[in-house]
C-alpha atoms as a PDB file:
ATOM      1  CA  MET A   1      60.263  16.524 -31.800  1.00  0.00           C
ATOM      2  CA  LYS A   2      59.466  13.063 -30.908  1.00  0.00           C
ATOM      3  CA  ARG A   3      58.571  14.894 -26.884  1.00  0.00           C
ATOM      4  CA  ALA A   4      56.363  17.776 -28.884  1.00  0.00           C
ATOM      5  CA  LEU A   5      54.575  14.710 -30.843  1.00  0.00           C
ATOM      6  CA  LEU A   6      54.018  12.967 -28.032  1.00  0.00           C
ATOM      7  CA  THR A   7      52.488  15.984 -26.052  1.00  0.00           C
ATOM      8  CA  VAL A   8      50.439  16.517 -28.680  1.00  0.00           C
ATOM      9  CA  LEU A   9      49.349  13.128 -28.978  1.00  0.00           C
ATOM     10  CA  SER A  10      48.773  13.021 -25.330  1.00  0.00           C
ATOM     11  CA  LEU A  11      46.471  16.072 -25.226  1.00  0.00           C
ATOM     12  CA  VAL A  12      44.298  14.516 -27.966  1.00  0.00           C
ATOM     13  CA  ALA A  13      43.956  11.555 -26.106  1.00  0.00           C
ATOM     14  CA  ILE A  14      43.041  13.600 -23.389  1.00  0.00           C
ATOM     15  CA  ALA A  15      40.443  15.578 -25.100  1.00  0.00           C
ATOM     16  CA  ALA A  16      38.842  12.486 -26.544  1.00  0.00           C
ATOM     17  CA  ALA A  17      38.675  11.199 -23.356  1.00  0.00           C
ATOM     18  CA  GLY A  18      37.048  14.114 -22.192  1.00  0.00           C
ATOM     19  CA  CYS A  19      34.410  13.762 -25.164  1.00  0.00           C
ATOM     20  CA  SER A  20      34.111  10.518 -24.636  1.00  0.00           C
ATOM     21  CA  SER A  21      32.904  10.854 -20.951  1.00  0.00           C
ATOM     22  CA  ALA A  22      30.880  13.466 -21.475  1.00  0.00           C
ATOM     23  CA  VAL A  23      28.757  12.043 -23.901  1.00  0.00           C
ATOM     24  CA  SER A  24      28.418   8.605 -21.670  1.00  0.00           C
ATOM     25  CA  GLY A  25      27.167  11.091 -18.958  1.00  0.00           C
ATOM     26  CA  SER A  26      24.978  12.434 -20.954  1.00  0.00           C
ATOM     27  CA  GLN A  27      23.693   9.383 -21.902  1.00  0.00           C
ATOM     28  CA  GLU A  28      23.976   7.657 -18.225  1.00  0.00           C
ATOM     29  CA  ALA A  29      20.116   6.543 -17.400  1.00  0.00           C
ATOM     30  CA  GLU A  30      18.458   8.319 -14.718  1.00  0.00           C
ATOM     31  CA  GLY A  31      17.282   7.392 -11.345  1.00  0.00           C
ATOM     32  CA  LEU A  32      14.171   7.180 -10.014  1.00  0.00           C
ATOM     33  CA  ALA A  33      14.412  10.343  -8.381  1.00  0.00           C
ATOM     34  CA  SER A  34      14.525  11.883 -11.510  1.00  0.00           C
ATOM     35  CA  PRO A  35      11.141  13.923 -11.944  1.00  0.00           C
ATOM     36  CA  ALA A  36      10.022  11.675 -14.789  1.00  0.00           C
ATOM     37  CA  LYS A  37      10.805   8.600 -13.443  1.00  0.00           C
ATOM     38  CA  LYS A  38       9.440   9.648 -10.036  1.00  0.00           C
ATOM     39  CA  GLU A  39       6.030   9.947 -11.735  1.00  0.00           C
ATOM     40  CA  THR A  40       6.274   7.003 -13.672  1.00  0.00           C
ATOM     41  CA  ALA A  41       6.717   5.232 -10.118  1.00  0.00           C
ATOM     42  CA  GLN A  42       4.057   7.156  -8.703  1.00  0.00           C
ATOM     43  CA  ARG A  43       1.443   6.053 -11.110  1.00  0.00           C
ATOM     44  CA  ILE A  44       2.645   2.288 -10.789  1.00  0.00           C
ATOM     45  CA  VAL A  45       1.968   2.432  -7.289  1.00  0.00           C
ATOM     46  CA  ALA A  46      -1.469   3.810  -7.500  1.00  0.00           C
ATOM     47  CA  SER A  47      -2.445   1.286  -9.804  1.00  0.00           C
ATOM     48  CA  ALA A  48      -1.831  -1.142  -7.018  1.00  0.00           C
ATOM     49  CA  GLU A  49      -2.975   0.942  -4.113  1.00  0.00           C
ATOM     50  CA  ASN A  50      -5.911   3.168  -5.710  1.00  0.00           C
ATOM     51  CA  GLY A  51      -6.988   1.389  -9.152  1.00  0.00           C
ATOM     52  CA  THR A  52      -5.915   4.633 -11.002  1.00  0.00           C
ATOM     53  CA  LEU A  53      -2.840   6.067 -12.805  1.00  0.00           C
ATOM     54  CA  ASP A  54      -4.259   9.586 -11.638  1.00  0.00           C
ATOM     55  CA  TRP A  55      -2.189   9.381  -8.454  1.00  0.00           C
ATOM     56  CA  ARG A  56      -2.944  12.756  -7.191  1.00  0.00           C
ATOM     57  CA  SER A  57      -6.651  11.929  -7.154  1.00  0.00           C
ATOM     58  CA  ALA A  58      -6.007   9.792  -4.112  1.00  0.00           C
ATOM     59  CA  TYR A  59      -5.011  12.301  -1.560  1.00  0.00           C
ATOM     60  CA  GLY A  60      -8.773  12.035  -0.002  1.00  0.00           C
ATOM     61  CA  TYR A  61      -8.987   8.151  -0.761  1.00  0.00           C
ATOM     62  CA  ILE A  62      -9.931   6.222   2.452  1.00  0.00           C
ATOM     63  CA  GLU A  63     -11.438   3.122   3.149  1.00  0.00           C
ATOM     64  CA  ASP A  64     -11.327  -0.379   5.386  1.00  0.00           C
ATOM     65  CA  ILE A  65      -9.890  -2.888   2.959  1.00  0.00           C
ATOM     66  CA  GLY A  66     -10.214  -5.498   5.307  1.00  0.00           C
ATOM     67  CA  ASP A  67      -6.337  -6.065   5.712  1.00  0.00           C
ATOM     68  CA  GLY A  68      -6.123  -6.160   9.474  1.00  0.00           C
ATOM     69  CA  GLN A  69      -4.934  -2.623   9.384  1.00  0.00           C
ATOM     70  CA  GLY A  70      -7.621  -0.329   9.972  1.00  0.00           C
ATOM     71  CA  TYR A  71      -8.707   2.646   7.508  1.00  0.00           C
ATOM     72  CA  THR A  72      -6.089   2.853   4.297  1.00  0.00           C
ATOM     73  CA  ALA A  73      -5.986   6.159   3.134  1.00  0.00           C
ATOM     74  CA  GLY A  74      -4.194   9.138   0.887  1.00  0.00           C
ATOM     75  CA  ILE A  75      -1.738   8.587  -1.861  1.00  0.00           C
ATOM     76  CA  ILE A  76       0.632   5.960  -0.341  1.00  0.00           C
ATOM     77  CA  GLY A  77      -1.810   3.704   1.460  1.00  0.00           C
ATOM     78  CA  PHE A  78      -1.171   5.541   5.158  1.00  0.00           C
ATOM     79  CA  CYS A  79      -2.983   3.327   7.627  1.00  0.00           C
ATOM     80  CA  THR A  80      -4.329   4.246  11.354  1.00  0.00           C
ATOM     81  CA  GLY A  81      -2.938   0.458  12.569  1.00  0.00           C
ATOM     82  CA  THR A  82       0.617   0.836  11.404  1.00  0.00           C
ATOM     83  CA  HIS A  83       1.556   3.769  12.728  1.00  0.00           C
ATOM     84  CA  ASP A  84       2.359   6.380   9.326  1.00  0.00           C
ATOM     85  CA  LEU A  85      -1.115   7.858   9.253  1.00  0.00           C
ATOM     86  CA  LEU A  86      -0.816   8.928  12.916  1.00  0.00           C
ATOM     87  CA  THR A  87       2.925  10.339  12.685  1.00  0.00           C
ATOM     88  CA  LEU A  88       1.516  12.139   9.436  1.00  0.00           C
ATOM     89  CA  VAL A  89      -1.389  13.671  11.432  1.00  0.00           C
ATOM     90  CA  GLU A  90       0.966  14.488  14.275  1.00  0.00           C
ATOM     91  CA  GLU A  91       3.118  15.945  12.313  1.00  0.00           C
ATOM     92  CA  TYR A  92       0.536  17.938  10.070  1.00  0.00           C
ATOM     93  CA  THR A  93      -1.161  19.295  13.393  1.00  0.00           C
ATOM     94  CA  GLY A  94       2.249  20.642  14.442  1.00  0.00           C
ATOM     95  CA  ASP A  95       2.518  22.753  11.331  1.00  0.00           C
ATOM     96  CA  HIS A  96      -1.082  23.688  11.280  1.00  0.00           C
ATOM     97  CA  PRO A  97      -2.729  23.660  14.562  1.00  0.00           C
ATOM     98  CA  GLY A  98      -7.064  23.398  14.597  1.00  0.00           C
ATOM     99  CA  ASN A  99      -7.164  21.397  11.461  1.00  0.00           C
ATOM    100  CA  GLY A 100     -10.152  19.141  10.414  1.00  0.00           C
ATOM    101  CA  LEU A 101      -7.882  16.022  11.484  1.00  0.00           C
ATOM    102  CA  ALA A 102      -6.436  17.309  15.201  1.00  0.00           C
ATOM    103  CA  ARG A 103      -9.901  16.167  17.235  1.00  0.00           C
ATOM    104  CA  TYR A 104      -8.907  12.426  15.916  1.00  0.00           C
ATOM    105  CA  LEU A 105      -5.616  12.550  17.637  1.00  0.00           C
ATOM    106  CA  PRO A 106      -6.609  10.674  20.773  1.00  0.00           C
ATOM    107  CA  ALA A 107      -8.639   8.353  18.927  1.00  0.00           C
ATOM    108  CA  LEU A 108      -5.982   7.467  16.664  1.00  0.00           C
ATOM    109  CA  ARG A 109      -3.076   6.985  19.030  1.00  0.00           C
ATOM    110  CA  GLU A 110      -5.688   4.771  21.142  1.00  0.00           C
ATOM    111  CA  VAL A 111      -6.065   2.387  17.481  1.00  0.00           C
ATOM    112  CA  ASP A 112      -2.696   2.567  16.432  1.00  0.00           C
ATOM    113  CA  GLY A 113      -1.153  -0.924  15.953  1.00  0.00           C
ATOM    114  CA  THR A 114      -5.029  -2.377  15.728  1.00  0.00           C
ATOM    115  CA  ASP A 115      -7.589  -2.575  12.815  1.00  0.00           C
ATOM    116  CA  SER A 116      -9.896  -0.413  15.343  1.00  0.00           C
ATOM    117  CA  HIS A 117     -11.984   2.312  14.432  1.00  0.00           C
ATOM    118  CA  GLU A 118     -12.897   2.914  17.860  1.00  0.00           C
ATOM    119  CA  GLY A 119     -13.353   6.920  18.116  1.00  0.00           C
ATOM    120  CA  LEU A 120     -13.094   7.345  14.600  1.00  0.00           C
ATOM    121  CA  ASP A 121     -16.407   6.657  13.084  1.00  0.00           C
ATOM    122  CA  PRO A 122     -18.435   8.074  11.791  1.00  0.00           C
ATOM    123  CA  GLY A 123     -16.696  11.347  11.157  1.00  0.00           C
ATOM    124  CA  PHE A 124     -13.203  10.496  10.408  1.00  0.00           C
ATOM    125  CA  ARG A 125     -13.412   9.520   6.781  1.00  0.00           C
ATOM    126  CA  ALA A 126     -15.390  12.846   6.112  1.00  0.00           C
ATOM    127  CA  ALA A 127     -12.762  14.754   7.826  1.00  0.00           C
ATOM    128  CA  TRP A 128      -9.882  13.111   6.099  1.00  0.00           C
ATOM    129  CA  LYS A 129     -11.838  13.963   2.333  1.00  0.00           C
ATOM    130  CA  ALA A 130     -12.405  17.104   3.310  1.00  0.00           C
ATOM    131  CA  GLU A 131      -8.720  17.665   5.036  1.00  0.00           C
ATOM    132  CA  ALA A 132      -7.468  16.306   2.043  1.00  0.00           C
ATOM    133  CA  LYS A 133      -8.916  19.191  -0.704  1.00  0.00           C
ATOM    134  CA  ARG A 134      -6.565  21.750   1.472  1.00  0.00           C
ATOM    135  CA  PRO A 135      -3.085  21.957  -0.724  1.00  0.00           C
ATOM    136  CA  GLU A 136      -1.264  22.208   2.688  1.00  0.00           C
ATOM    137  CA  PHE A 137      -2.181  18.416   3.591  1.00  0.00           C
ATOM    138  CA  ARG A 138      -1.642  17.105   0.113  1.00  0.00           C
ATOM    139  CA  ALA A 139       2.059  18.515   0.495  1.00  0.00           C
ATOM    140  CA  ALA A 140       2.270  16.934   4.025  1.00  0.00           C
ATOM    141  CA  GLN A 141       1.268  13.285   2.239  1.00  0.00           C
ATOM    142  CA  ASP A 142       3.678  14.255  -0.191  1.00  0.00           C
ATOM    143  CA  ALA A 143       6.667  14.626   2.348  1.00  0.00           C
ATOM    144  CA  LYS A 144       5.514  11.951   4.438  1.00  0.00           C
ATOM    145  CA  ARG A 145       5.889   9.186   1.251  1.00  0.00           C
ATOM    146  CA  ASP A 146       9.427  10.607   0.603  1.00  0.00           C
ATOM    147  CA  GLU A 147      10.349  10.567   4.063  1.00  0.00           C
ATOM    148  CA  GLU A 148       9.517   6.982   5.090  1.00  0.00           C
ATOM    149  CA  TYR A 149       9.235   5.335   1.835  1.00  0.00           C
ATOM    150  CA  PHE A 150      10.468   6.846  -1.509  1.00  0.00           C
ATOM    151  CA  ASP A 151      13.976   8.067  -0.084  1.00  0.00           C
ATOM    152  CA  PRO A 152      14.914   5.330   2.017  1.00  0.00           C
ATOM    153  CA  ALA A 153      14.116   2.950  -0.941  1.00  0.00           C
ATOM    154  CA  VAL A 154      15.967   4.739  -3.377  1.00  0.00           C
ATOM    155  CA  ARG A 155      18.816   5.433  -1.491  1.00  0.00           C
ATOM    156  CA  GLN A 156      19.293   1.416  -0.105  1.00  0.00           C
ATOM    157  CA  ALA A 157      18.616   0.927  -4.163  1.00  0.00           C
ATOM    158  CA  GLU A 158      21.419   3.099  -4.909  1.00  0.00           C
ATOM    159  CA  ARG A 159      23.924   1.601  -2.207  1.00  0.00           C
ATOM    160  CA  ASP A 160      22.847  -2.013  -3.897  1.00  0.00           C
ATOM    161  CA  GLY A 161      23.907  -0.526  -7.199  1.00  0.00           C
ATOM    162  CA  LEU A 162      20.666  -0.580  -8.938  1.00  0.00           C
ATOM    163  CA  SER A 163      19.028   0.513 -11.854  1.00  0.00           C
ATOM    164  CA  ALA A 164      15.770   2.537 -11.682  1.00  0.00           C
ATOM    165  CA  LEU A 165      13.474  -0.644 -12.029  1.00  0.00           C
ATOM    166  CA  GLY A 166      15.368  -2.206  -9.147  1.00  0.00           C
ATOM    167  CA  GLN A 167      14.980   1.388  -7.123  1.00  0.00           C
ATOM    168  CA  PHE A 168      11.009   1.299  -7.858  1.00  0.00           C
ATOM    169  CA  ILE A 169      10.803  -2.759  -7.091  1.00  0.00           C
ATOM    170  CA  TYR A 170      12.207  -1.519  -3.398  1.00  0.00           C
ATOM    171  CA  TYR A 171       9.963   1.179  -3.171  1.00  0.00           C
ATOM    172  CA  ASP A 172       6.831  -0.736  -4.268  1.00  0.00           C
ATOM    173  CA  ALA A 173       8.260  -3.343  -1.676  1.00  0.00           C
ATOM    174  CA  ILE A 174       8.402  -1.070   1.433  1.00  0.00           C
ATOM    175  CA  VAL A 175       5.361   0.694   0.291  1.00  0.00           C
ATOM    176  CA  TYR A 176       3.372  -2.700   0.630  1.00  0.00           C
ATOM    177  CA  HIS A 177       5.504  -4.480   3.752  1.00  0.00           C
ATOM    178  CA  GLY A 178       6.898  -1.064   5.520  1.00  0.00           C
ATOM    179  CA  PRO A 179      10.249  -0.898   7.147  1.00  0.00           C
ATOM    180  CA  GLY A 180      11.565  -2.956   9.308  1.00  0.00           C
ATOM    181  CA  ASP A 181      13.737  -5.999   9.746  1.00  0.00           C
ATOM    182  CA  GLY A 182      10.886  -8.728  10.442  1.00  0.00           C
ATOM    183  CA  PRO A 183      11.062 -11.507   7.585  1.00  0.00           C
ATOM    184  CA  THR A 184       8.038  -9.955   5.716  1.00  0.00           C
ATOM    185  CA  SER A 185       8.889  -6.267   6.271  1.00  0.00           C
ATOM    186  CA  PHE A 186      11.512  -4.755   3.552  1.00  0.00           C
ATOM    187  CA  GLY A 187      14.626  -4.998   5.291  1.00  0.00           C
ATOM    188  CA  GLY A 188      13.807  -8.905   6.091  1.00  0.00           C
ATOM    189  CA  ILE A 189      13.078  -9.473   2.128  1.00  0.00           C
ATOM    190  CA  ARG A 190      15.971  -7.848   1.259  1.00  0.00           C
ATOM    191  CA  ALA A 191      18.104  -9.627   3.543  1.00  0.00           C
ATOM    192  CA  ASP A 192      16.445 -12.885   2.586  1.00  0.00           C
ATOM    193  CA  ALA A 193      17.316 -11.990  -1.385  1.00  0.00           C
ATOM    194  CA  VAL A 194      21.069 -11.187  -0.919  1.00  0.00           C
ATOM    195  CA  LYS A 195      21.544 -14.691   0.689  1.00  0.00           C
ATOM    196  CA  ARG A 196      20.098 -15.762  -2.604  1.00  0.00           C
ATOM    197  CA  ALA A 197      21.879 -13.846  -4.901  1.00  0.00           C
ATOM    198  CA  ASP A 198      24.514 -11.085  -4.970  1.00  0.00           C
ATOM    199  CA  THR A 199      23.611  -7.424  -5.811  1.00  0.00           C
ATOM    200  CA  PRO A 200      25.255  -5.455  -8.254  1.00  0.00           C
ATOM    201  CA  ALA A 201      27.571  -3.885  -5.602  1.00  0.00           C
ATOM    202  CA  GLY A 202      28.663  -6.898  -4.189  1.00  0.00           C
ATOM    203  CA  GLY A 203      29.442  -8.094  -8.037  1.00  0.00           C
ATOM    204  CA  GLY A 204      26.624  -9.761  -8.979  1.00  0.00           C
ATOM    205  CA  ASP A 205      23.924  -9.861 -11.976  1.00  0.00           C
ATOM    206  CA  GLU A 206      21.261  -7.272 -11.603  1.00  0.00           C
ATOM    207  CA  GLU A 207      19.039  -9.145 -13.464  1.00  0.00           C
ATOM    208  CA  ALA A 208      19.475 -12.320 -10.854  1.00  0.00           C
ATOM    209  CA  TYR A 209      19.183 -10.143  -7.742  1.00  0.00           C
ATOM    210  CA  LEU A 210      16.087  -8.660  -8.467  1.00  0.00           C
ATOM    211  CA  SER A 211      14.623 -11.898  -9.615  1.00  0.00           C
ATOM    212  CA  ALA A 212      15.598 -13.497  -6.189  1.00  0.00           C
ATOM    213  CA  PHE A 213      13.906 -10.183  -4.603  1.00  0.00           C
ATOM    214  CA  LEU A 214      11.029 -10.593  -6.372  1.00  0.00           C
ATOM    215  CA  ASP A 215      10.855 -14.274  -5.468  1.00  0.00           C
ATOM    216  CA  VAL A 216      11.423 -13.652  -1.838  1.00  0.00           C
ATOM    217  CA  ARG A 217       8.767 -10.386  -2.153  1.00  0.00           C
ATOM    218  CA  ARG A 218       6.171 -12.594  -2.999  1.00  0.00           C
ATOM    219  CA  GLU A 219       6.517 -15.404  -0.578  1.00  0.00           C
ATOM    220  CA  ALA A 220       6.258 -12.504   1.985  1.00  0.00           C
ATOM    221  CA  MET A 221       3.082 -11.455   0.694  1.00  0.00           C
ATOM    222  CA  ARG A 222       1.862 -14.951   0.638  1.00  0.00           C
ATOM    223  CA  VAL A 223       2.607 -15.177   4.060  1.00  0.00           C
ATOM    224  CA  LEU A 224       1.262 -11.476   5.094  1.00  0.00           C
ATOM    225  CA  HIS A 225      -1.972 -12.235   3.023  1.00  0.00           C
ATOM    226  CA  PRO A 226      -2.735 -16.060   1.984  1.00  0.00           C
ATOM    227  CA  GLY A 227      -4.557 -16.122  -1.300  1.00  0.00           C
ATOM    228  CA  HIS A 228      -4.270 -12.327  -1.681  1.00  0.00           C
ATOM    229  CA  ASP A 229      -3.687 -11.233  -5.677  1.00  0.00           C
ATOM    230  CA  THR A 230       0.244 -10.853  -6.061  1.00  0.00           C
ATOM    231  CA  SER A 231      -0.370  -8.469  -9.625  1.00  0.00           C
ATOM    232  CA  ARG A 232       2.141  -6.194  -8.597  1.00  0.00           C
ATOM    233  CA  VAL A 233       4.948  -8.674  -8.430  1.00  0.00           C
ATOM    234  CA  ASP A 234       3.688 -11.403 -11.277  1.00  0.00           C
ATOM    235  CA  THR A 235       2.384  -9.090 -13.969  1.00  0.00           C
ATOM    236  CA  ALA A 236       3.847  -5.912 -13.378  1.00  0.00           C
ATOM    237  CA  GLN A 237       7.567  -5.868 -12.398  1.00  0.00           C
ATOM    238  CA  ARG A 238       8.443  -9.122 -12.973  1.00  0.00           C
ATOM    239  CA  ARG A 239       6.935  -8.405 -16.311  1.00  0.00           C
ATOM    240  CA  PHE A 240       9.129  -5.257 -16.734  1.00  0.00           C
ATOM    241  CA  LEU A 241      12.299  -7.595 -15.301  1.00  0.00           C
ATOM    242  CA  ASP A 242      11.629  -9.960 -18.029  1.00  0.00           C
ATOM    243  CA  GLU A 243      11.443  -7.438 -20.646  1.00  0.00           C
ATOM    244  CA  GLY A 244      15.178  -6.519 -19.542  1.00  0.00           C
ATOM    245  CA  ASN A 245      13.741  -2.942 -18.784  1.00  0.00           C
ATOM    246  CA  LEU A 246      16.468  -2.007 -16.050  1.00  0.00           C
ATOM    247  CA  ASP A 247      15.889   1.833 -16.614  1.00  0.00           C
ATOM    248  CA  LEU A 248      11.999   1.991 -16.495  1.00  0.00           C
ATOM    249  CA  GLU A 249      11.896   3.491 -19.993  1.00  0.00           C
ATOM    250  CA  THR A 250       8.350   4.215 -21.126  1.00  0.00           C
ATOM    251  CA  PRO A 251       6.320   3.121 -22.568  1.00  0.00           C
ATOM    252  CA  LEU A 252       5.156   0.662 -20.079  1.00  0.00           C
ATOM    253  CA  GLU A 253       2.505  -1.906 -20.038  1.00  0.00           C
ATOM    254  CA  TRP A 254       1.532  -4.198 -17.105  1.00  0.00           C
ATOM    255  CA  THR A 255      -1.736  -5.743 -15.689  1.00  0.00           C
ATOM    256  CA  MET A 256      -2.913  -5.016 -11.855  1.00  0.00           C
ATOM    257  CA  TYR A 257      -5.651  -7.082 -10.464  1.00  0.00           C
ATOM    258  CA  GLY A 258      -7.066  -7.747 -13.864  1.00  0.00           C
ATOM    259  CA  THR A 259      -6.865  -4.677 -15.466  1.00  0.00           C
ATOM    260  CA  ARG A 260      -4.164  -3.606 -17.990  1.00  0.00           C
ATOM    261  CA  TYR A 261      -2.494   0.074 -17.573  1.00  0.00           C
ATOM    262  CA  GLU A 262      -0.009   1.454 -19.679  1.00  0.00           C
ATOM    263  CA  VAL A 263       2.196   4.554 -19.511  1.00  0.00           C
ATOM    264  CA  ALA A 264       3.085   6.102 -22.630  1.00  0.00           C
END
């Protein structure tokens, strides 16, 4: 009888544990790669990069913002001076020969790594805007954004044990600073932050680590562009962190370059 009773009790306990696990799993917070969170991430980045929440309106965006990186263009700020715009057009041309940007490839290769417009003016901006009306080029921008920025940032954040907010903080940092291990690149910023605070995966407190990361990133922004507005850290990401919104749940409110934004 005791054995039978223990068996019954064990089965009940296992079933209860299973139900508990199922509830816990269903309530587990979504990461940044979930469709809703990814959409939110694109909207916050667009508020900084393009002054809008409608990130899809930025496929045709292109201008020289005077930051020494040539033309900045598209949904994530691909730059003629930082190699990502060149590789975007090269790969797009490989899939779609004869597109309206292909004729600028020789000039794009020449100006890569500089702020020069040589060989691009006066027609490149109009060609970019025209090509951005094609769904194939919009899809190419999406794919390049994910390949070089979104996916690597989320993967590293997951390895560091970070929630959706931490994943977004990494994503915005790699968009602005670029990949790499230099002191003002994403890898260098992360390395410095890890020296100041342990990641959650390393046994640290997430809020303390993210605060350290934002401190390092703000310093790097000041090194790159002295006097530049650091709203994307100070009045956006820092605000979300101070509110304890580690899951990046909506509604969200923030200020970017003096303009207030809200996602319901």
